[in-house]
Amino acid sequence: MSKILILESNKNIAHLLEKLCSRMGHEAIIKNQAANIESLLETENIELVVSELHVLGVNIFELLNVIKEIKPRIKIIIITKEYHAERQLKKKGVHVDCVIQKPMSAERLTLEITKLIGS
């Protein structure tokens, strides 16, 4: 069982993502703010971060760089409604493994999670 950190400010979406991860055999840790993420990454064996592009109260570009500094091999999926998100991330020098456009399907997210960390 892999641990997946879900950064999502909408509680309903976070709950759906948690259920999806659970059905895939993974443990989901939900955070709706960036507080204490560094300590969480240092204490938990998290393999994947699934995040919306705009998390409450944080510069996501800085946060993603901090995540990669703490865990260079961690995989990251960004979920966004912004059309040019991939270009924005590259421009800021942030590496993510996958960008999924909203509205997203459970099948697409399942496929991407499986590609990155297995089922």
PDB file of N, CA and C in Angstrom:
ATOM      1  N   MET A   1       0.839  -1.171   0.000  1.00  0.00           N
ATOM      2  CA  MET A   1       0.000   0.000   0.000  1.00  0.00           C
ATOM      3  C   MET A   1       0.890   1.243   0.000  1.00  0.00           C
ATOM      4  N   SER A   2       0.673   2.109  -0.966  1.00  0.00           N
ATOM      5  CA  SER A   2       1.401   3.369  -1.056  1.00  0.00           C
ATOM      6  C   SER A   2       0.610   4.472  -0.380  1.00  0.00           C
ATOM      7  N   LYS A   3       1.333   5.480   0.088  1.00  0.00           N
ATOM      8  CA  LYS A   3       0.681   6.645   0.677  1.00  0.00           C
ATOM      9  C   LYS A   3       0.678   7.776  -0.341  1.00  0.00           C
ATOM     10  N   ILE A   4      -0.493   8.399  -0.464  1.00  0.00           N
ATOM     11  CA  ILE A   4      -0.686   9.493  -1.408  1.00  0.00           C
ATOM     12  C   ILE A   4      -1.135  10.718  -0.627  1.00  0.00           C
ATOM     13  N   LEU A   5      -0.421  11.823  -0.813  1.00  0.00           N
ATOM     14  CA  LEU A   5      -0.796  13.088  -0.198  1.00  0.00           C
ATOM     15  C   LEU A   5      -1.688  13.842  -1.170  1.00  0.00           C
ATOM     16  N   ILE A   6      -2.892  14.179  -0.726  1.00  0.00           N
ATOM     17  CA  ILE A   6      -3.841  14.909  -1.555  1.00  0.00           C
ATOM     18  C   ILE A   6      -3.951  16.330  -1.014  1.00  0.00           C
ATOM     19  N   LEU A   7      -3.588  17.305  -1.853  1.00  0.00           N
ATOM     20  CA  LEU A   7      -3.709  18.717  -1.505  1.00  0.00           C
ATOM     21  C   LEU A   7      -4.885  19.276  -2.285  1.00  0.00           C
ATOM     22  N   GLU A   8      -5.991  19.443  -1.597  1.00  0.00           N
ATOM     23  CA  GLU A   8      -7.233  19.859  -2.254  1.00  0.00           C
ATOM     24  C   GLU A   8      -8.050  20.685  -1.277  1.00  0.00           C
ATOM     25  N   SER A   9      -8.423  21.903  -1.670  1.00  0.00           N
ATOM     26  CA  SER A   9      -9.174  22.784  -0.775  1.00  0.00           C
ATOM     27  C   SER A   9     -10.675  22.476  -0.748  1.00  0.00           C
ATOM     28  N   ASN A  10     -11.191  21.833  -1.784  1.00  0.00           N
ATOM     29  CA  ASN A  10     -12.603  21.469  -1.815  1.00  0.00           C
ATOM     30  C   ASN A  10     -12.781  20.125  -1.110  1.00  0.00           C
ATOM     31  N   LYS A  11     -13.484  20.137   0.015  1.00  0.00           N
ATOM     32  CA  LYS A  11     -13.628  18.917   0.824  1.00  0.00           C
ATOM     33  C   LYS A  11     -14.338  17.788   0.084  1.00  0.00           C
ATOM     34  N   ASN A  12     -15.314  18.123  -0.761  1.00  0.00           N
ATOM     35  CA  ASN A  12     -16.030  17.084  -1.511  1.00  0.00           C
ATOM     36  C   ASN A  12     -15.102  16.391  -2.514  1.00  0.00           C
ATOM     37  N   ILE A  13     -14.303  17.178  -3.219  1.00  0.00           N
ATOM     38  CA  ILE A  13     -13.359  16.601  -4.172  1.00  0.00           C
ATOM     39  C   ILE A  13     -12.304  15.786  -3.434  1.00  0.00           C
ATOM     40  N   ALA A  14     -11.821  16.325  -2.315  1.00  0.00           N
ATOM     41  CA  ALA A  14     -10.821  15.595  -1.514  1.00  0.00           C
ATOM     42  C   ALA A  14     -11.365  14.246  -1.077  1.00  0.00           C
ATOM     43  N   HIS A  15     -12.628  14.211  -0.650  1.00  0.00           N
ATOM     44  CA  HIS A  15     -13.242  12.960  -0.223  1.00  0.00           C
ATOM     45  C   HIS A  15     -13.340  11.970  -1.389  1.00  0.00           C
ATOM     46  N   LEU A  16     -13.710  12.454  -2.573  1.00  0.00           N
ATOM     47  CA  LEU A  16     -13.791  11.573  -3.742  1.00  0.00           C
ATOM     48  C   LEU A  16     -12.415  11.025  -4.114  1.00  0.00           C
ATOM     49  N   LEU A  17     -11.385  11.881  -4.049  1.00  0.00           N
ATOM     50  CA  LEU A  17     -10.024  11.426  -4.343  1.00  0.00           C
ATOM     51  C   LEU A  17      -9.563  10.390  -3.326  1.00  0.00           C
ATOM     52  N   GLU A  18      -9.918  10.610  -2.065  1.00  0.00           N
ATOM     53  CA  GLU A  18      -9.571   9.654  -1.008  1.00  0.00           C
ATOM     54  C   GLU A  18     -10.213   8.294  -1.274  1.00  0.00           C
ATOM     55  N   LYS A  19     -11.491   8.291  -1.669  1.00  0.00           N
ATOM     56  CA  LYS A  19     -12.189   7.034  -1.971  1.00  0.00           C
ATOM     57  C   LYS A  19     -11.556   6.319  -3.169  1.00  0.00           C
ATOM     58  N   LEU A  20     -11.186   7.092  -4.182  1.00  0.00           N
ATOM     59  CA  LEU A  20     -10.549   6.513  -5.353  1.00  0.00           C
ATOM     60  C   LEU A  20      -9.229   5.842  -4.972  1.00  0.00           C
ATOM     61  N   CYS A  21      -8.421   6.543  -4.190  1.00  0.00           N
ATOM     62  CA  CYS A  21      -7.134   5.980  -3.753  1.00  0.00           C
ATOM     63  C   CYS A  21      -7.343   4.725  -2.918  1.00  0.00           C
ATOM     64  N   SER A  22      -8.315   4.767  -2.042  1.00  0.00           N
ATOM     65  CA  SER A  22      -8.621   3.621  -1.187  1.00  0.00           C
ATOM     66  C   SER A  22      -9.029   2.405  -2.027  1.00  0.00           C
ATOM     67  N   ARG A  23      -9.865   2.631  -3.024  1.00  0.00           N
ATOM     68  CA  ARG A  23     -10.294   1.539  -3.907  1.00  0.00           C
ATOM     69  C   ARG A  23      -9.120   0.940  -4.672  1.00  0.00           C
ATOM     70  N   MET A  24      -8.095   1.755  -4.908  1.00  0.00           N
ATOM     71  CA  MET A  24      -6.908   1.279  -5.606  1.00  0.00           C
ATOM     72  C   MET A  24      -5.927   0.584  -4.664  1.00  0.00           C
ATOM     73  N   GLY A  25      -6.236   0.605  -3.355  1.00  0.00           N
ATOM     74  CA  GLY A  25      -5.372  -0.042  -2.378  1.00  0.00           C
ATOM     75  C   GLY A  25      -4.322   0.871  -1.775  1.00  0.00           C
ATOM     76  N   HIS A  26      -4.498   2.180  -1.928  1.00  0.00           N
ATOM     77  CA  HIS A  26      -3.550   3.155  -1.392  1.00  0.00           C
ATOM     78  C   HIS A  26      -4.167   3.893  -0.204  1.00  0.00           C
ATOM     79  N   GLU A  27      -3.297   4.423   0.643  1.00  0.00           N
ATOM     80  CA  GLU A  27      -3.746   5.244   1.760  1.00  0.00           C
ATOM     81  C   GLU A  27      -3.618   6.708   1.358  1.00  0.00           C
ATOM     82  N   ALA A  28      -4.685   7.466   1.525  1.00  0.00           N
ATOM     83  CA  ALA A  28      -4.675   8.885   1.185  1.00  0.00           C
ATOM     84  C   ALA A  28      -4.584   9.722   2.454  1.00  0.00           C
ATOM     85  N   ILE A  29      -3.734  10.727   2.402  1.00  0.00           N
ATOM     86  CA  ILE A  29      -3.624  11.713   3.475  1.00  0.00           C
ATOM     87  C   ILE A  29      -4.099  13.026   2.879  1.00  0.00           C
ATOM     88  N   ILE A  30      -5.154  13.587   3.452  1.00  0.00           N
ATOM     89  CA  ILE A  30      -5.775  14.795   2.913  1.00  0.00           C
ATOM     90  C   ILE A  30      -5.271  16.024   3.661  1.00  0.00           C
ATOM     91  N   LYS A  31      -4.876  17.034   2.896  1.00  0.00           N
ATOM     92  CA  LYS A  31      -4.522  18.337   3.460  1.00  0.00           C
ATOM     93  C   LYS A  31      -5.232  19.394   2.620  1.00  0.00           C
ATOM     94  N   ASN A  32      -5.906  20.336   3.273  1.00  0.00           N
ATOM     95  CA  ASN A  32      -6.545  21.405   2.521  1.00  0.00           C
ATOM     96  C   ASN A  32      -5.776  22.719   2.643  1.00  0.00           C
ATOM     97  N   GLN A  33      -4.656  22.669   3.363  1.00  0.00           N
ATOM     98  CA  GLN A  33      -3.744  23.800   3.472  1.00  0.00           C
ATOM     99  C   GLN A  33      -2.323  23.269   3.476  1.00  0.00           C
ATOM    100  N   ALA A  34      -1.374  24.170   3.268  1.00  0.00           N
ATOM    101  CA  ALA A  34       0.022  23.743   3.180  1.00  0.00           C
ATOM    102  C   ALA A  34       0.702  23.616   4.537  1.00  0.00           C
ATOM    103  N   ALA A  35       0.029  23.985   5.601  1.00  0.00           N
ATOM    104  CA  ALA A  35       0.643  23.949   6.931  1.00  0.00           C
ATOM    105  C   ALA A  35       1.130  22.549   7.281  1.00  0.00           C
ATOM    106  N   ASN A  36       2.346  22.473   7.788  1.00  0.00           N
ATOM    107  CA  ASN A  36       2.962  21.234   8.287  1.00  0.00           C
ATOM    108  C   ASN A  36       3.257  20.180   7.216  1.00  0.00           C
ATOM    109  N   ILE A  37       3.243  20.553   5.964  1.00  0.00           N
ATOM    110  CA  ILE A  37       3.511  19.566   4.917  1.00  0.00           C
ATOM    111  C   ILE A  37       4.951  19.069   4.988  1.00  0.00           C
ATOM    112  N   GLU A  38       5.889  19.960   5.301  1.00  0.00           N
ATOM    113  CA  GLU A  38       7.292  19.548   5.373  1.00  0.00           C
ATOM    114  C   GLU A  38       7.481  18.433   6.402  1.00  0.00           C
ATOM    115  N   SER A  39       6.926  18.625   7.596  1.00  0.00           N
ATOM    116  CA  SER A  39       7.085  17.588   8.636  1.00  0.00           C
ATOM    117  C   SER A  39       6.354  16.308   8.254  1.00  0.00           C
ATOM    118  N   LEU A  40       5.223  16.437   7.600  1.00  0.00           N
ATOM    119  CA  LEU A  40       4.482  15.263   7.133  1.00  0.00           C
ATOM    120  C   LEU A  40       5.323  14.463   6.129  1.00  0.00           C
ATOM    121  N   LEU A  41       5.965  15.153   5.204  1.00  0.00           N
ATOM    122  CA  LEU A  41       6.809  14.479   4.210  1.00  0.00           C
ATOM    123  C   LEU A  41       8.016  13.810   4.853  1.00  0.00           C
ATOM    124  N   GLU A  42       8.527  14.403   5.920  1.00  0.00           N
ATOM    125  CA  GLU A  42       9.696  13.844   6.593  1.00  0.00           C
ATOM    126  C   GLU A  42       9.341  12.626   7.449  1.00  0.00           C
ATOM    127  N   THR A  43       8.092  12.550   7.929  1.00  0.00           N
ATOM    128  CA  THR A  43       7.717  11.456   8.827  1.00  0.00           C
ATOM    129  C   THR A  43       6.931  10.331   8.135  1.00  0.00           C
ATOM    130  N   GLU A  44       6.285  10.635   7.039  1.00  0.00           N
ATOM    131  CA  GLU A  44       5.476   9.635   6.341  1.00  0.00           C
ATOM    132  C   GLU A  44       6.171   9.208   5.047  1.00  0.00           C
ATOM    133  N   ASN A  45       5.978   7.968   4.653  1.00  0.00           N
ATOM    134  CA  ASN A  45       6.562   7.458   3.416  1.00  0.00           C
ATOM    135  C   ASN A  45       5.599   7.712   2.247  1.00  0.00           C
ATOM    136  N   ILE A  46       5.497   8.972   1.882  1.00  0.00           N
ATOM    137  CA  ILE A  46       4.573   9.373   0.814  1.00  0.00           C
ATOM    138  C   ILE A  46       5.276   9.215  -0.534  1.00  0.00           C
ATOM    139  N   GLU A  47       4.592   8.543  -1.466  1.00  0.00           N
ATOM    140  CA  GLU A  47       5.170   8.291  -2.783  1.00  0.00           C
ATOM    141  C   GLU A  47       4.622   9.204  -3.866  1.00  0.00           C
ATOM    142  N   LEU A  48       3.428   9.768  -3.621  1.00  0.00           N
ATOM    143  CA  LEU A  48       2.763  10.555  -4.656  1.00  0.00           C
ATOM    144  C   LEU A  48       2.026  11.722  -4.017  1.00  0.00           C
ATOM    145  N   VAL A  49       2.091  12.875  -4.686  1.00  0.00           N
ATOM    146  CA  VAL A  49       1.300  14.037  -4.302  1.00  0.00           C
ATOM    147  C   VAL A  49       0.323  14.309  -5.432  1.00  0.00           C
ATOM    148  N   VAL A  50      -0.958  14.426  -5.084  1.00  0.00           N
ATOM    149  CA  VAL A  50      -1.991  14.838  -6.035  1.00  0.00           C
ATOM    150  C   VAL A  50      -2.487  16.181  -5.531  1.00  0.00           C
ATOM    151  N   SER A  51      -2.319  17.222  -6.347  1.00  0.00           N
ATOM    152  CA  SER A  51      -2.632  18.564  -5.877  1.00  0.00           C
ATOM    153  C   SER A  51      -3.362  19.364  -6.941  1.00  0.00           C
ATOM    154  N   GLU A  52      -4.255  20.203  -6.469  1.00  0.00           N
ATOM    155  CA  GLU A  52      -4.801  21.207  -7.368  1.00  0.00           C
ATOM    156  C   GLU A  52      -3.725  22.276  -7.538  1.00  0.00           C
ATOM    157  N   LEU A  53      -3.836  23.068  -8.564  1.00  0.00           N
ATOM    158  CA  LEU A  53      -2.827  24.081  -8.831  1.00  0.00           C
ATOM    159  C   LEU A  53      -2.910  25.229  -7.826  1.00  0.00           C
ATOM    160  N   HIS A  54      -4.095  25.493  -7.308  1.00  0.00           N
ATOM    161  CA  HIS A  54      -4.270  26.591  -6.361  1.00  0.00           C
ATOM    162  C   HIS A  54      -4.727  26.037  -5.015  1.00  0.00           C
ATOM    163  N   VAL A  55      -3.772  25.846  -4.111  1.00  0.00           N
ATOM    164  CA  VAL A  55      -4.072  25.380  -2.761  1.00  0.00           C
ATOM    165  C   VAL A  55      -4.161  26.609  -1.873  1.00  0.00           C
ATOM    166  N   LEU A  56      -5.135  26.622  -0.988  1.00  0.00           N
ATOM    167  CA  LEU A  56      -5.359  27.791  -0.140  1.00  0.00           C
ATOM    168  C   LEU A  56      -4.114  28.214   0.630  1.00  0.00           C
ATOM    169  N   GLY A  57      -3.804  29.485   0.544  1.00  0.00           N
ATOM    170  CA  GLY A  57      -2.763  30.067   1.368  1.00  0.00           C
ATOM    171  C   GLY A  57      -1.347  29.666   1.035  1.00  0.00           C
ATOM    172  N   VAL A  58      -1.069  29.333  -0.224  1.00  0.00           N
ATOM    173  CA  VAL A  58       0.290  28.893  -0.553  1.00  0.00           C
ATOM    174  C   VAL A  58       0.629  29.238  -2.003  1.00  0.00           C
ATOM    175  N   ASN A  59       1.888  29.484  -2.232  1.00  0.00           N
ATOM    176  CA  ASN A  59       2.410  29.586  -3.583  1.00  0.00           C
ATOM    177  C   ASN A  59       2.759  28.160  -4.007  1.00  0.00           C
ATOM    178  N   ILE A  60       1.969  27.587  -4.874  1.00  0.00           N
ATOM    179  CA  ILE A  60       2.122  26.173  -5.226  1.00  0.00           C
ATOM    180  C   ILE A  60       3.481  25.894  -5.862  1.00  0.00           C
ATOM    181  N   PHE A  61       4.024  26.852  -6.590  1.00  0.00           N
ATOM    182  CA  PHE A  61       5.319  26.642  -7.230  1.00  0.00           C
ATOM    183  C   PHE A  61       6.411  26.477  -6.175  1.00  0.00           C
ATOM    184  N   GLU A  62       6.376  27.317  -5.158  1.00  0.00           N
ATOM    185  CA  GLU A  62       7.343  27.192  -4.062  1.00  0.00           C
ATOM    186  C   GLU A  62       7.133  25.890  -3.294  1.00  0.00           C
ATOM    187  N   LEU A  63       5.872  25.559  -3.032  1.00  0.00           N
ATOM    188  CA  LEU A  63       5.571  24.336  -2.292  1.00  0.00           C
ATOM    189  C   LEU A  63       6.063  23.098  -3.039  1.00  0.00           C
ATOM    190  N   LEU A  64       5.836  23.044  -4.335  1.00  0.00           N
ATOM    191  CA  LEU A  64       6.285  21.884  -5.112  1.00  0.00           C
ATOM    192  C   LEU A  64       7.805  21.773  -5.100  1.00  0.00           C
ATOM    193  N   ASN A  65       8.491  22.894  -5.141  1.00  0.00           N
ATOM    194  CA  ASN A  65       9.955  22.852  -5.049  1.00  0.00           C
ATOM    195  C   ASN A  65      10.409  22.358  -3.682  1.00  0.00           C
ATOM    196  N   VAL A  66       9.730  22.768  -2.617  1.00  0.00           N
ATOM    197  CA  VAL A  66      10.054  22.290  -1.264  1.00  0.00           C
ATOM    198  C   VAL A  66       9.817  20.783  -1.175  1.00  0.00           C
ATOM    199  N   ILE A  67       8.704  20.327  -1.723  1.00  0.00           N
ATOM    200  CA  ILE A  67       8.396  18.888  -1.718  1.00  0.00           C
ATOM    201  C   ILE A  67       9.509  18.116  -2.413  1.00  0.00           C
ATOM    202  N   LYS A  68       9.960  18.595  -3.572  1.00  0.00           N
ATOM    203  CA  LYS A  68      11.018  17.907  -4.322  1.00  0.00           C
ATOM    204  C   LYS A  68      12.363  17.977  -3.589  1.00  0.00           C
ATOM    205  N   GLU A  69      12.606  19.049  -2.824  1.00  0.00           N
ATOM    206  CA  GLU A  69      13.840  19.126  -2.038  1.00  0.00           C
ATOM    207  C   GLU A  69      13.844  18.070  -0.938  1.00  0.00           C
ATOM    208  N   ILE A  70      12.696  17.894  -0.292  1.00  0.00           N
ATOM    209  CA  ILE A  70      12.595  16.929   0.804  1.00  0.00           C
ATOM    210  C   ILE A  70      12.600  15.500   0.265  1.00  0.00           C
ATOM    211  N   LYS A  71      11.855  15.261  -0.812  1.00  0.00           N
ATOM    212  CA  LYS A  71      11.734  13.920  -1.406  1.00  0.00           C
ATOM    213  C   LYS A  71      11.934  14.028  -2.920  1.00  0.00           C
ATOM    214  N   PRO A  72      13.183  14.011  -3.360  1.00  0.00           N
ATOM    215  CA  PRO A  72      13.458  14.205  -4.793  1.00  0.00           C
ATOM    216  C   PRO A  72      12.780  13.194  -5.721  1.00  0.00           C
ATOM    217  N   ARG A  73      12.500  11.997  -5.230  1.00  0.00           N
ATOM    218  CA  ARG A  73      11.913  10.959  -6.092  1.00  0.00           C
ATOM    219  C   ARG A  73      10.391  10.907  -6.037  1.00  0.00           C
ATOM    220  N   ILE A  74       9.781  11.768  -5.247  1.00  0.00           N
ATOM    221  CA  ILE A  74       8.320  11.748  -5.119  1.00  0.00           C
ATOM    222  C   ILE A  74       7.686  12.097  -6.465  1.00  0.00           C
ATOM    223  N   LYS A  75       6.581  11.476  -6.747  1.00  0.00           N
ATOM    224  CA  LYS A  75       5.834  11.741  -7.974  1.00  0.00           C
ATOM    225  C   LYS A  75       4.757  12.784  -7.680  1.00  0.00           C
ATOM    226  N   ILE A  76       4.454  13.627  -8.683  1.00  0.00           N
ATOM    227  CA  ILE A  76       3.475  14.701  -8.490  1.00  0.00           C
ATOM    228  C   ILE A  76       2.510  14.742  -9.665  1.00  0.00           C
ATOM    229  N   ILE A  77       1.213  14.771  -9.321  1.00  0.00           N
ATOM    230  CA  ILE A  77       0.146  14.973 -10.298  1.00  0.00           C
ATOM    231  C   ILE A  77      -0.544  16.288  -9.939  1.00  0.00           C
ATOM    232  N   ILE A  78      -0.703  17.162 -10.922  1.00  0.00           N
ATOM    233  CA  ILE A  78      -1.423  18.422 -10.730  1.00  0.00           C
ATOM    234  C   ILE A  78      -2.759  18.313 -11.456  1.00  0.00           C
ATOM    235  N   ILE A  79      -3.808  18.730 -10.761  1.00  0.00           N
ATOM    236  CA  ILE A  79      -5.148  18.771 -11.345  1.00  0.00           C
ATOM    237  C   ILE A  79      -5.536  20.245 -11.435  1.00  0.00           C
ATOM    238  N   THR A  80      -5.941  20.681 -12.618  1.00  0.00           N
ATOM    239  CA  THR A  80      -6.216  22.102 -12.804  1.00  0.00           C
ATOM    240  C   THR A  80      -7.235  22.344 -13.903  1.00  0.00           C
ATOM    241  N   LYS A  81      -7.870  23.494 -13.829  1.00  0.00           N
ATOM    242  CA  LYS A  81      -8.748  23.912 -14.918  1.00  0.00           C
ATOM    243  C   LYS A  81      -8.029  24.885 -15.843  1.00  0.00           C
ATOM    244  N   GLU A  82      -6.795  25.257 -15.479  1.00  0.00           N
ATOM    245  CA  GLU A  82      -6.021  26.195 -16.288  1.00  0.00           C
ATOM    246  C   GLU A  82      -5.414  25.494 -17.489  1.00  0.00           C
ATOM    247  N   TYR A  83      -5.655  26.057 -18.648  1.00  0.00           N
ATOM    248  CA  TYR A  83      -5.237  25.452 -19.900  1.00  0.00           C
ATOM    249  C   TYR A  83      -3.715  25.409 -20.058  1.00  0.00           C
ATOM    250  N   HIS A  84      -3.015  26.438 -19.603  1.00  0.00           N
ATOM    251  CA  HIS A  84      -1.567  26.531 -19.801  1.00  0.00           C
ATOM    252  C   HIS A  84      -0.773  26.177 -18.551  1.00  0.00           C
ATOM    253  N   ALA A  85      -1.297  25.335 -17.706  1.00  0.00           N
ATOM    254  CA  ALA A  85      -0.644  24.998 -16.435  1.00  0.00           C
ATOM    255  C   ALA A  85       0.726  24.370 -16.651  1.00  0.00           C
ATOM    256  N   GLU A  86       0.835  23.470 -17.607  1.00  0.00           N
ATOM    257  CA  GLU A  86       2.126  22.811 -17.851  1.00  0.00           C
ATOM    258  C   GLU A  86       3.192  23.836 -18.224  1.00  0.00           C
ATOM    259  N   ARG A  87       2.819  24.778 -19.051  1.00  0.00           N
ATOM    260  CA  ARG A  87       3.749  25.824 -19.464  1.00  0.00           C
ATOM    261  C   ARG A  87       4.151  26.691 -18.268  1.00  0.00           C
ATOM    262  N   GLN A  88       3.172  27.014 -17.405  1.00  0.00           N
ATOM    263  CA  GLN A  88       3.455  27.797 -16.199  1.00  0.00           C
ATOM    264  C   GLN A  88       4.448  27.072 -15.296  1.00  0.00           C
ATOM    265  N   LEU A  89       4.227  25.796 -15.089  1.00  0.00           N
ATOM    266  CA  LEU A  89       5.091  25.000 -14.227  1.00  0.00           C
ATOM    267  C   LEU A  89       6.516  24.951 -14.783  1.00  0.00           C
ATOM    268  N   LYS A  90       6.643  24.707 -16.079  1.00  0.00           N
ATOM    269  CA  LYS A  90       7.968  24.658 -16.698  1.00  0.00           C
ATOM    270  C   LYS A  90       8.668  26.006 -16.601  1.00  0.00           C
ATOM    271  N   LYS A  91       7.920  27.069 -16.822  1.00  0.00           N
ATOM    272  CA  LYS A  91       8.470  28.419 -16.758  1.00  0.00           C
ATOM    273  C   LYS A  91       9.026  28.729 -15.365  1.00  0.00           C
ATOM    274  N   LYS A  92       8.366  28.190 -14.334  1.00  0.00           N
ATOM    275  CA  LYS A  92       8.806  28.395 -12.950  1.00  0.00           C
ATOM    276  C   LYS A  92       9.860  27.380 -12.521  1.00  0.00           C
ATOM    277  N   GLY A  93      10.215  26.453 -13.422  1.00  0.00           N
ATOM    278  CA  GLY A  93      11.238  25.462 -13.113  1.00  0.00           C
ATOM    279  C   GLY A  93      10.761  24.348 -12.199  1.00  0.00           C
ATOM    280  N   VAL A  94       9.470  24.075 -12.225  1.00  0.00           N
ATOM    281  CA  VAL A  94       8.883  23.047 -11.364  1.00  0.00           C
ATOM    282  C   VAL A  94       8.595  21.804 -12.195  1.00  0.00           C
ATOM    283  N   HIS A  95       9.148  20.664 -11.755  1.00  0.00           N
ATOM    284  CA  HIS A  95       8.911  19.408 -12.468  1.00  0.00           C
ATOM    285  C   HIS A  95       7.745  18.666 -11.813  1.00  0.00           C
ATOM    286  N   VAL A  96       6.753  18.334 -12.616  1.00  0.00           N
ATOM    287  CA  VAL A  96       5.673  17.449 -12.166  1.00  0.00           C
ATOM    288  C   VAL A  96       5.598  16.301 -13.162  1.00  0.00           C
ATOM    289  N   ASP A  97       5.014  15.213 -12.720  1.00  0.00           N
ATOM    290  CA  ASP A  97       4.956  14.018 -13.563  1.00  0.00           C
ATOM    291  C   ASP A  97       3.745  13.986 -14.475  1.00  0.00           C
ATOM    292  N   CYS A  98       2.695  14.714 -14.090  1.00  0.00           N
ATOM    293  CA  CYS A  98       1.466  14.677 -14.876  1.00  0.00           C
ATOM    294  C   CYS A  98       0.609  15.891 -14.550  1.00  0.00           C
ATOM    295  N   VAL A  99      -0.007  16.464 -15.576  1.00  0.00           N
ATOM    296  CA  VAL A  99      -0.991  17.526 -15.389  1.00  0.00           C
ATOM    297  C   VAL A  99      -2.297  17.021 -15.992  1.00  0.00           C
ATOM    298  N   ILE A 100      -3.352  17.041 -15.185  1.00  0.00           N
ATOM    299  CA  ILE A 100      -4.671  16.587 -15.638  1.00  0.00           C
ATOM    300  C   ILE A 100      -5.614  17.788 -15.639  1.00  0.00           C
ATOM    301  N   GLN A 101      -6.266  18.002 -16.770  1.00  0.00           N
ATOM    302  CA  GLN A 101      -7.221  19.096 -16.897  1.00  0.00           C
ATOM    303  C   GLN A 101      -8.556  18.740 -16.247  1.00  0.00           C
ATOM    304  N   LYS A 102      -9.157  19.724 -15.574  1.00  0.00           N
ATOM    305  CA  LYS A 102     -10.516  19.571 -15.062  1.00  0.00           C
ATOM    306  C   LYS A 102     -11.471  19.903 -16.197  1.00  0.00           C
ATOM    307  N   PRO A 103     -12.628  19.307 -16.284  1.00  0.00           N
ATOM    308  CA  PRO A 103     -13.053  18.220 -15.404  1.00  0.00           C
ATOM    309  C   PRO A 103     -12.302  16.941 -15.749  1.00  0.00           C
ATOM    310  N   MET A 104     -11.939  16.230 -14.727  1.00  0.00           N
ATOM    311  CA  MET A 104     -11.171  15.004 -14.932  1.00  0.00           C
ATOM    312  C   MET A 104     -12.067  13.797 -14.693  1.00  0.00           C
ATOM    313  N   SER A 105     -11.632  12.687 -15.232  1.00  0.00           N
ATOM    314  CA  SER A 105     -12.372  11.451 -15.002  1.00  0.00           C
ATOM    315  C   SER A 105     -11.606  10.598 -14.005  1.00  0.00           C
ATOM    316  N   ALA A 106     -12.332   9.794 -13.270  1.00  0.00           N
ATOM    317  CA  ALA A 106     -11.714   8.865 -12.329  1.00  0.00           C
ATOM    318  C   ALA A 106     -10.816   7.887 -13.079  1.00  0.00           C
ATOM    319  N   GLU A 107     -11.214   7.506 -14.290  1.00  0.00           N
ATOM    320  CA  GLU A 107     -10.430   6.569 -15.082  1.00  0.00           C
ATOM    321  C   GLU A 107      -9.063   7.157 -15.431  1.00  0.00           C
ATOM    322  N   ARG A 108      -9.033   8.431 -15.815  1.00  0.00           N
ATOM    323  CA  ARG A 108      -7.754   9.069 -16.173  1.00  0.00           C
ATOM    324  C   ARG A 108      -6.840   9.154 -14.953  1.00  0.00           C
ATOM    325  N   LEU A 109      -7.398   9.577 -13.812  1.00  0.00           N
ATOM    326  CA  LEU A 109      -6.577   9.681 -12.611  1.00  0.00           C
ATOM    327  C   LEU A 109      -6.074   8.306 -12.176  1.00  0.00           C
ATOM    328  N   THR A 110      -6.927   7.303 -12.249  1.00  0.00           N
ATOM    329  CA  THR A 110      -6.529   5.938 -11.907  1.00  0.00           C
ATOM    330  C   THR A 110      -5.382   5.479 -12.806  1.00  0.00           C
ATOM    331  N   LEU A 111      -5.498   5.740 -14.088  1.00  0.00           N
ATOM    332  CA  LEU A 111      -4.460   5.365 -15.044  1.00  0.00           C
ATOM    333  C   LEU A 111      -3.125   6.040 -14.699  1.00  0.00           C
ATOM    334  N   GLU A 112      -3.160   7.336 -14.406  1.00  0.00           N
ATOM    335  CA  GLU A 112      -1.932   8.074 -14.112  1.00  0.00           C
ATOM    336  C   GLU A 112      -1.305   7.619 -12.793  1.00  0.00           C
ATOM    337  N   ILE A 113      -2.128   7.368 -11.786  1.00  0.00           N
ATOM    338  CA  ILE A 113      -1.606   6.873 -10.501  1.00  0.00           C
ATOM    339  C   ILE A 113      -0.941   5.515 -10.718  1.00  0.00           C
ATOM    340  N   THR A 114      -1.601   4.647 -11.465  1.00  0.00           N
ATOM    341  CA  THR A 114      -1.053   3.321 -11.728  1.00  0.00           C
ATOM    342  C   THR A 114       0.270   3.400 -12.472  1.00  0.00           C
ATOM    343  N   LYS A 115       0.365   4.310 -13.438  1.00  0.00           N
ATOM    344  CA  LYS A 115       1.617   4.488 -14.184  1.00  0.00           C
ATOM    345  C   LYS A 115       2.743   4.916 -13.259  1.00  0.00           C
ATOM    346  N   LEU A 116       2.431   5.799 -12.313  1.00  0.00           N
ATOM    347  CA  LEU A 116       3.478   6.390 -11.470  1.00  0.00           C
ATOM    348  C   LEU A 116       3.885   5.523 -10.268  1.00  0.00           C
ATOM    349  N   ILE A 117       2.907   4.891  -9.607  1.00  0.00           N
ATOM    350  CA  ILE A 117       3.249   4.129  -8.385  1.00  0.00           C
ATOM    351  C   ILE A 117       2.664   2.728  -8.354  1.00  0.00           C
ATOM    352  N   GLY A 118       1.978   2.330  -9.406  1.00  0.00           N
ATOM    353  CA  GLY A 118       1.387   0.989  -9.416  1.00  0.00           C
ATOM    354  C   GLY A 118      -0.011   1.002  -8.813  1.00  0.00           C
ATOM    355  N   SER A 119      -0.638  -0.172  -8.837  1.00  0.00           N
ATOM    356  CA  SER A 119      -2.015  -0.253  -8.313  1.00  0.00           C
ATOM    357  C   SER A 119      -2.063  -1.004  -7.006  1.00  0.00           C
TER     358      SER A 119
END
